[in-house]
Amino acid sequence: MSPTKVTKVTLPDGSIVPVIHAKAAKMTPESERLRKSAEKAGANAAAKALAKGLSITIMKDGKLIRINPDKSEEVIGVQA
């Protein structure tokens, strides 16, 4: 995957940060295994962070969202 598009997210304090999107390339069996492993690792890391009382931040539907340990969500930025 290679970066092909940069969009911007505006945070509540008015600052704008870049978000780099990657263009999906044809998946080889090796890259598919790597993608699945990365997906599992990310899910495990998020679950462990929440279990330790830490918040995580994700991008969903063009919004930057903080998920708190109590599973509440807070929009902390939007795609500009």
N, C-alpha and C. Protein backbone atom coordinates (compact mmCIF):
# COMPACT_ATOMS: atom_id res chain seq x y z
N MET A 1 0.83 -1.17 0.00
CA MET A 1 0.00 0.00 0.00
C MET A 1 0.88 1.24 0.00
N SER A 2 0.47 2.23 -0.77
CA SER A 2 1.25 3.45 -0.81
C SER A 2 0.35 4.64 -0.55
N PRO A 3 0.87 5.66 0.14
CA PRO A 3 0.04 6.83 0.40
C PRO A 3 -0.36 7.49 -0.90
N THR A 4 -1.65 7.79 -1.05
CA THR A 4 -2.11 8.40 -2.29
C THR A 4 -2.95 9.63 -2.05
N LYS A 5 -3.48 9.81 -0.86
CA LYS A 5 -4.40 10.90 -0.60
C LYS A 5 -4.19 11.41 0.82
N VAL A 6 -4.16 12.71 0.96
CA VAL A 6 -4.06 13.31 2.28
C VAL A 6 -5.29 14.19 2.48
N THR A 7 -6.02 13.95 3.56
CA THR A 7 -7.13 14.83 3.93
C THR A 7 -6.77 15.45 5.26
N LYS A 8 -7.60 16.35 5.71
CA LYS A 8 -7.30 17.04 6.96
C LYS A 8 -8.45 16.86 7.94
N VAL A 9 -8.10 16.77 9.22
CA VAL A 9 -9.07 16.66 10.30
C VAL A 9 -8.93 17.89 11.17
N THR A 10 -10.07 18.55 11.45
CA THR A 10 -10.08 19.72 12.32
C THR A 10 -10.41 19.27 13.74
N LEU A 11 -9.52 19.56 14.68
CA LEU A 11 -9.71 19.20 16.08
C LEU A 11 -10.54 20.29 16.77
N PRO A 12 -11.13 19.98 17.93
CA PRO A 12 -11.97 20.97 18.62
C PRO A 12 -11.26 22.29 18.92
N ASP A 13 -9.94 22.26 19.11
CA ASP A 13 -9.22 23.50 19.39
C ASP A 13 -8.94 24.32 18.13
N GLY A 14 -9.44 23.83 16.98
CA GLY A 14 -9.27 24.54 15.72
C GLY A 14 -8.04 24.14 14.94
N SER A 15 -7.14 23.37 15.54
CA SER A 15 -5.95 22.95 14.80
C SER A 15 -6.34 21.90 13.76
N ILE A 16 -5.61 21.89 12.67
CA ILE A 16 -5.88 20.97 11.57
C ILE A 16 -4.70 20.02 11.43
N VAL A 17 -5.00 18.71 11.40
CA VAL A 17 -3.95 17.71 11.28
C VAL A 17 -4.19 16.87 10.02
N PRO A 18 -3.11 16.43 9.35
CA PRO A 18 -3.28 15.63 8.14
C PRO A 18 -3.57 14.17 8.46
N VAL A 19 -4.35 13.53 7.59
CA VAL A 19 -4.62 12.10 7.66
C VAL A 19 -4.23 11.54 6.30
N ILE A 20 -3.31 10.59 6.29
CA ILE A 20 -2.82 10.01 5.04
C ILE A 20 -3.55 8.70 4.79
N HIS A 21 -4.19 8.62 3.63
CA HIS A 21 -4.92 7.42 3.24
C HIS A 21 -4.02 6.60 2.32
N ALA A 22 -4.17 5.31 2.36
CA ALA A 22 -3.37 4.45 1.49
C ALA A 22 -4.27 3.81 0.45
N LYS A 23 -3.75 3.70 -0.74
CA LYS A 23 -4.48 3.05 -1.83
C LYS A 23 -4.24 1.55 -1.73
N ALA A 24 -5.31 0.79 -1.76
CA ALA A 24 -5.18 -0.67 -1.69
C ALA A 24 -4.58 -1.20 -2.99
N ALA A 25 -3.61 -2.03 -2.86
CA ALA A 25 -2.98 -2.66 -4.02
C ALA A 25 -3.51 -4.09 -4.12
N LYS A 26 -3.21 -4.74 -5.22
CA LYS A 26 -3.61 -6.12 -5.37
C LYS A 26 -2.98 -6.93 -4.25
N MET A 27 -3.81 -7.69 -3.56
CA MET A 27 -3.34 -8.46 -2.41
C MET A 27 -2.73 -9.79 -2.84
N THR A 28 -1.50 -9.99 -2.44
CA THR A 28 -0.87 -11.29 -2.61
C THR A 28 -1.24 -12.11 -1.38
N PRO A 29 -1.07 -13.42 -1.41
CA PRO A 29 -1.36 -14.20 -0.21
C PRO A 29 -0.56 -13.71 1.00
N GLU A 30 0.68 -13.31 0.77
CA GLU A 30 1.52 -12.84 1.87
C GLU A 30 0.99 -11.52 2.44
N SER A 31 0.60 -10.60 1.56
CA SER A 31 0.10 -9.31 2.06
C SER A 31 -1.25 -9.48 2.73
N GLU A 32 -2.06 -10.42 2.28
CA GLU A 32 -3.33 -10.70 2.93
C GLU A 32 -3.12 -11.25 4.34
N ARG A 33 -2.15 -12.15 4.49
CA ARG A 33 -1.83 -12.68 5.83
C ARG A 33 -1.33 -11.56 6.74
N LEU A 34 -0.49 -10.69 6.19
CA LEU A 34 0.02 -9.56 6.97
C LEU A 34 -1.11 -8.63 7.38
N ARG A 35 -2.04 -8.34 6.46
CA ARG A 35 -3.17 -7.47 6.76
C ARG A 35 -4.01 -8.06 7.88
N LYS A 36 -4.30 -9.36 7.80
CA LYS A 36 -5.11 -10.01 8.83
C LYS A 36 -4.38 -10.02 10.18
N SER A 37 -3.07 -10.26 10.15
CA SER A 37 -2.28 -10.24 11.39
C SER A 37 -2.29 -8.85 12.02
N ALA A 38 -2.14 -7.82 11.19
CA ALA A 38 -2.15 -6.44 11.68
C ALA A 38 -3.52 -6.09 12.26
N GLU A 39 -4.57 -6.55 11.62
CA GLU A 39 -5.93 -6.30 12.11
C GLU A 39 -6.13 -6.93 13.49
N LYS A 40 -5.68 -8.18 13.64
CA LYS A 40 -5.79 -8.86 14.94
C LYS A 40 -4.95 -8.17 16.00
N ALA A 41 -3.74 -7.77 15.63
CA ALA A 41 -2.84 -7.10 16.59
C ALA A 41 -3.45 -5.77 17.04
N GLY A 42 -4.03 -5.03 16.10
CA GLY A 42 -4.66 -3.76 16.46
C GLY A 42 -5.85 -3.96 17.39
N ALA A 43 -6.67 -4.97 17.09
CA ALA A 43 -7.84 -5.25 17.93
C ALA A 43 -7.40 -5.67 19.33
N ASN A 44 -6.36 -6.52 19.40
CA ASN A 44 -5.84 -6.95 20.71
C ASN A 44 -5.27 -5.77 21.50
N ALA A 45 -4.53 -4.91 20.83
CA ALA A 45 -3.94 -3.74 21.50
C ALA A 45 -5.03 -2.81 22.01
N ALA A 46 -6.08 -2.60 21.22
CA ALA A 46 -7.18 -1.74 21.65
C ALA A 46 -7.88 -2.33 22.86
N ALA A 47 -8.16 -3.63 22.83
CA ALA A 47 -8.83 -4.30 23.95
C ALA A 47 -7.99 -4.22 25.22
N LYS A 48 -6.68 -4.43 25.10
CA LYS A 48 -5.79 -4.35 26.26
C LYS A 48 -5.74 -2.94 26.83
N ALA A 49 -5.68 -1.93 25.94
CA ALA A 49 -5.64 -0.54 26.40
C ALA A 49 -6.91 -0.20 27.17
N LEU A 50 -8.06 -0.58 26.62
CA LEU A 50 -9.33 -0.30 27.29
C LEU A 50 -9.42 -1.03 28.63
N ALA A 51 -8.93 -2.28 28.67
CA ALA A 51 -8.94 -3.06 29.91
C ALA A 51 -8.07 -2.42 30.99
N LYS A 52 -7.01 -1.70 30.57
CA LYS A 52 -6.12 -1.03 31.53
C LYS A 52 -6.62 0.36 31.90
N GLY A 53 -7.79 0.71 31.38
CA GLY A 53 -8.34 2.03 31.72
C GLY A 53 -7.87 3.15 30.83
N LEU A 54 -7.30 2.82 29.67
CA LEU A 54 -6.82 3.83 28.74
C LEU A 54 -7.83 4.04 27.62
N SER A 55 -7.88 5.24 27.09
CA SER A 55 -8.72 5.54 25.93
C SER A 55 -7.97 5.19 24.66
N ILE A 56 -8.73 4.95 23.59
CA ILE A 56 -8.13 4.75 22.27
C ILE A 56 -8.76 5.75 21.30
N THR A 57 -8.10 6.02 20.20
CA THR A 57 -8.61 6.95 19.22
C THR A 57 -8.69 6.24 17.87
N ILE A 58 -9.85 6.40 17.19
CA ILE A 58 -10.06 5.78 15.89
C ILE A 58 -10.63 6.80 14.92
N MET A 59 -10.61 6.47 13.62
CA MET A 59 -11.26 7.27 12.60
C MET A 59 -12.46 6.46 12.13
N LYS A 60 -13.66 7.06 12.19
CA LYS A 60 -14.88 6.37 11.78
C LYS A 60 -15.81 7.36 11.11
N ASP A 61 -16.24 7.05 9.91
CA ASP A 61 -17.18 7.90 9.16
C ASP A 61 -16.70 9.35 9.07
N GLY A 62 -15.42 9.54 8.83
CA GLY A 62 -14.87 10.88 8.68
C GLY A 62 -14.69 11.65 9.97
N LYS A 63 -14.85 10.96 11.10
CA LYS A 63 -14.71 11.61 12.40
C LYS A 63 -13.60 10.94 13.19
N LEU A 64 -12.82 11.76 13.90
CA LEU A 64 -11.80 11.26 14.81
C LEU A 64 -12.50 11.07 16.15
N ILE A 65 -12.54 9.82 16.65
CA ILE A 65 -13.33 9.49 17.82
C ILE A 65 -12.45 8.90 18.92
N ARG A 66 -12.64 9.40 20.15
CA ARG A 66 -11.97 8.82 21.31
C ARG A 66 -12.96 7.86 21.96
N ILE A 67 -12.52 6.61 22.16
CA ILE A 67 -13.34 5.62 22.86
C ILE A 67 -12.74 5.47 24.25
N ASN A 68 -13.57 5.71 25.25
CA ASN A 68 -13.13 5.65 26.64
C ASN A 68 -13.31 4.24 27.19
N PRO A 69 -12.64 3.93 28.30
CA PRO A 69 -12.73 2.59 28.88
C PRO A 69 -14.17 2.15 29.19
N ASP A 70 -15.06 3.12 29.47
CA ASP A 70 -16.46 2.77 29.75
C ASP A 70 -17.26 2.59 28.46
N LYS A 71 -16.57 2.58 27.31
CA LYS A 71 -17.13 2.40 25.97
C LYS A 71 -17.86 3.62 25.44
N SER A 72 -17.87 4.73 26.19
CA SER A 72 -18.47 5.95 25.67
C SER A 72 -17.56 6.51 24.57
N GLU A 73 -18.16 7.19 23.61
CA GLU A 73 -17.40 7.75 22.49
C GLU A 73 -17.52 9.26 22.49
N GLU A 74 -16.43 9.90 22.09
CA GLU A 74 -16.38 11.37 22.05
C GLU A 74 -15.75 11.77 20.73
N VAL A 75 -16.46 12.58 19.95
CA VAL A 75 -15.90 13.08 18.69
C VAL A 75 -14.90 14.17 19.04
N ILE A 76 -13.64 13.97 18.62
CA ILE A 76 -12.61 14.96 18.95
C ILE A 76 -12.11 15.69 17.70
N GLY A 77 -12.64 15.33 16.53
CA GLY A 77 -12.26 16.00 15.30
C GLY A 77 -13.12 15.50 14.15
N VAL A 78 -13.17 16.30 13.09
CA VAL A 78 -13.91 15.91 11.89
C VAL A 78 -13.04 16.14 10.68
N GLN A 79 -13.29 15.35 9.64
CA GLN A 79 -12.52 15.49 8.41
C GLN A 79 -12.87 16.81 7.75
N ALA A 80 -11.85 17.58 7.39
CA ALA A 80 -12.09 18.87 6.76
C ALA A 80 -12.20 18.71 5.26
